[in-house]
Amino acid sequence: MNEVIQLPRRGKITVIFYEVSDPQGIAIWGGESPQEALDWYRRSPTGSKIWVSQYEADEEDAKLVLDLIEITPIVLATITDSIDRWSK
């Protein structure tokens, strides 16, 4: 987890897209809202994962510019850290 990934910026509209998949890897939700992604993850079965990707969009279509990255361990570590801070 020492590697930081910089999302590239370009002239077109950049869309950060979140997905939640079930334990078999089948997408059960997708959208641009990180809050909705967390809500869906909370309600999903144990073993589900959260992913993020980046699209570049214009008026007609969107093109994937950064493939899916699993962020489940980061999300869980952040939740654990937040709980630890609140409980002190």
Protein backbone atom coordinates (compact mmCIF):
# COMPACT_ATOMS: atom_id res chain seq x y z
CA MET A 1 0.00 0.00 0.00
CA ASN A 2 2.99 2.30 -0.44
CA GLU A 3 2.01 3.16 -3.99
CA VAL A 4 0.02 6.33 -4.68
CA ILE A 5 -1.86 6.46 -7.95
CA GLN A 6 -2.40 9.90 -9.51
CA LEU A 7 -5.54 10.08 -11.61
CA PRO A 8 -4.66 11.74 -14.93
CA ARG A 9 -6.32 15.06 -15.82
CA ARG A 10 -7.22 15.95 -19.36
CA GLY A 11 -9.27 18.55 -21.20
CA LYS A 12 -12.49 16.55 -21.26
CA ILE A 13 -14.86 15.97 -18.36
CA THR A 14 -13.41 13.47 -15.89
CA VAL A 15 -15.86 11.08 -14.26
CA ILE A 16 -14.88 9.03 -11.21
CA PHE A 17 -17.04 5.90 -11.21
CA TYR A 18 -17.57 3.61 -8.21
CA GLU A 19 -18.80 0.01 -8.32
CA VAL A 20 -19.77 -2.51 -5.67
CA SER A 21 -19.47 -6.17 -6.57
CA ASP A 22 -20.71 -9.25 -4.78
CA PRO A 23 -18.28 -11.98 -3.60
CA GLN A 24 -18.43 -13.61 -7.07
CA GLY A 25 -17.29 -10.34 -8.71
CA ILE A 26 -20.67 -9.48 -10.24
CA ALA A 27 -21.41 -5.76 -10.14
CA ILE A 28 -24.46 -4.98 -7.99
CA TRP A 29 -24.23 -1.18 -8.08
CA GLY A 30 -22.39 1.48 -10.03
CA GLY A 31 -22.42 5.27 -9.99
CA GLU A 32 -20.57 8.52 -9.31
CA SER A 33 -21.51 8.90 -5.64
CA PRO A 34 -18.98 7.67 -3.08
CA GLN A 35 -21.67 7.86 -0.35
CA GLU A 36 -24.04 5.62 -2.32
CA ALA A 37 -21.15 3.20 -2.95
CA LEU A 38 -20.57 2.96 0.81
CA ASP A 39 -24.29 2.50 1.47
CA TRP A 40 -24.49 -0.32 -1.08
CA TYR A 41 -21.32 -1.91 0.29
CA ARG A 42 -22.75 -1.85 3.83
CA ARG A 43 -25.88 -3.69 2.64
CA SER A 44 -24.02 -6.16 0.41
CA PRO A 45 -23.00 -9.71 1.36
CA THR A 46 -19.78 -10.42 3.24
CA GLY A 47 -16.91 -10.63 0.77
CA SER A 48 -18.21 -7.88 -1.49
CA LYS A 49 -15.77 -5.30 -2.86
CA ILE A 50 -15.67 -1.61 -3.77
CA TRP A 51 -13.97 -0.50 -6.97
CA VAL A 52 -13.12 2.86 -8.52
CA SER A 53 -12.34 3.75 -12.12
CA GLN A 54 -12.02 6.89 -14.19
CA TYR A 55 -13.73 7.83 -17.42
CA GLU A 56 -13.20 10.71 -19.78
CA ALA A 57 -16.49 11.92 -21.21
CA ASP A 58 -17.64 14.27 -23.91
CA GLU A 59 -21.13 15.03 -25.15
CA GLU A 60 -21.52 11.70 -26.95
CA ASP A 61 -19.77 8.95 -25.02
CA ALA A 62 -17.32 8.03 -22.28
CA LYS A 63 -13.97 6.28 -22.55
CA LEU A 64 -12.29 4.33 -19.76
CA VAL A 65 -8.94 5.96 -18.95
CA LEU A 66 -8.10 4.25 -15.66
CA ASP A 67 -9.13 0.63 -15.18
CA LEU A 68 -10.90 -0.63 -12.07
CA ILE A 69 -8.92 -0.42 -8.84
CA GLU A 70 -10.16 -2.28 -5.78
CA ILE A 71 -10.37 0.14 -2.84
CA THR A 72 -12.05 -2.14 -0.29
CA PRO A 73 -8.95 -2.39 1.99
CA ILE A 74 -8.59 1.42 1.98
CA VAL A 75 -12.27 1.92 2.80
CA LEU A 76 -12.20 -0.65 5.62
CA ALA A 77 -9.00 0.84 7.08
CA THR A 78 -10.56 4.32 7.02
CA ILE A 79 -13.73 3.07 8.73
CA THR A 80 -11.66 1.27 11.39
CA ASP A 81 -9.55 4.38 11.98
CA SER A 82 -12.65 6.54 12.30
CA ILE A 83 -14.24 4.15 14.80
CA ASP A 84 -11.03 4.09 16.84
CA ARG A 85 -10.95 7.90 16.94
CA TRP A 86 -14.62 8.21 17.95
CA SER A 87 -14.32 5.64 20.72
CA LYS A 88 -11.51 7.51 22.50
